Amino acid sequence: MNSYTIVDAFAFIDIPRMDNPIKGVDSTRIGFRVRNLTDKKYAIWADPGYPDQVLLGAPRSYEVSAAFKW
């Protein structure tokens, strides 16, 4: 298999208690992640004994998350 490089990106924002609309929550973190930013096609597994079987890596995907501290 040839070598490859994929790029991921992650950003978040922290919302402090005084700006938080949810009662009882001390802080909130909202996050956004992009995996395989360039949407590169790549193989994560292959075996010389099975040349017609290759496991491809995941395409570009997006995630949004929220975390709360009480």
Protein backbone atom coordinates (compact mmCIF):
# COMPACT_ATOMS: atom_id res chain seq x y z
CA MET A 1 0.00 0.00 0.00
CA ASN A 2 1.14 3.52 -0.71
CA SER A 3 1.48 6.00 2.11
CA TYR A 4 -1.18 8.68 2.55
CA THR A 5 -1.96 11.71 4.66
CA ILE A 6 -5.41 12.91 5.64
CA VAL A 7 -6.28 16.24 7.25
CA ASP A 8 -8.74 16.77 10.11
CA ALA A 9 -9.88 20.11 11.57
CA PHE A 10 -11.46 20.91 14.95
CA ALA A 11 -12.75 24.16 16.43
CA PHE A 12 -14.72 24.94 19.57
CA ILE A 13 -16.17 27.84 21.48
CA ASP A 14 -16.63 28.04 25.26
CA ILE A 15 -19.72 29.84 26.53
CA PRO A 16 -19.26 31.07 30.11
CA ARG A 17 -21.94 30.85 32.79
CA MET A 18 -23.02 34.49 32.58
CA ASP A 19 -23.92 34.10 28.86
CA ASN A 20 -25.41 30.62 29.22
CA PRO A 21 -29.21 30.40 28.78
CA ILE A 22 -29.41 27.00 30.54
CA LYS A 23 -29.95 27.34 34.31
CA GLY A 24 -27.54 25.50 36.57
CA VAL A 25 -24.89 25.05 33.87
CA ASP A 26 -21.50 26.62 34.68
CA SER A 27 -20.14 26.49 31.15
CA THR A 28 -20.89 25.05 27.73
CA ARG A 29 -18.52 24.01 24.95
CA ILE A 30 -19.78 23.75 21.37
CA GLY A 31 -17.44 21.92 18.98
CA PHE A 32 -17.25 21.32 15.25
CA ARG A 33 -14.99 18.74 13.57
CA VAL A 34 -14.30 17.81 9.95
CA ARG A 35 -12.56 14.50 9.31
CA ASN A 36 -10.73 13.87 6.02
CA LEU A 37 -11.05 17.55 5.05
CA THR A 38 -9.70 17.00 1.53
CA ASP A 39 -12.02 14.00 0.95
CA LYS A 40 -9.02 11.86 -0.06
CA LYS A 41 -9.65 8.29 -1.21
CA TYR A 42 -7.34 5.89 0.62
CA ALA A 43 -7.09 2.28 1.72
CA ILE A 44 -6.75 1.55 5.44
CA TRP A 45 -6.23 -2.19 4.91
CA ALA A 46 -5.06 -4.51 2.16
CA ASP A 47 -3.44 -7.94 2.17
CA PRO A 48 -1.08 -9.27 -0.55
CA GLY A 49 -2.74 -12.66 -0.13
CA TYR A 50 -6.11 -11.16 -1.09
CA PRO A 51 -5.31 -8.61 -3.83
CA ASP A 52 -8.97 -8.07 -4.72
CA GLN A 53 -9.94 -7.09 -1.14
CA VAL A 54 -9.24 -3.56 0.05
CA LEU A 55 -10.84 -1.69 2.95
CA LEU A 56 -11.32 1.96 2.05
CA GLY A 57 -11.04 4.80 4.57
CA ALA A 58 -14.00 6.96 5.50
CA PRO A 59 -14.93 9.88 3.24
CA ARG A 60 -15.20 13.45 4.53
CA SER A 61 -17.50 13.65 7.55
CA TYR A 62 -18.76 16.39 9.86
CA GLU A 63 -19.45 16.32 13.60
CA VAL A 64 -21.05 18.79 15.98
CA SER A 65 -20.76 18.32 19.75
CA ALA A 66 -21.91 20.00 22.94
CA ALA A 67 -20.47 19.55 26.43
CA PHE A 68 -21.83 21.00 29.67
CA LYS A 69 -20.30 21.55 33.12
CA TRP A 70 -22.59 21.78 36.12
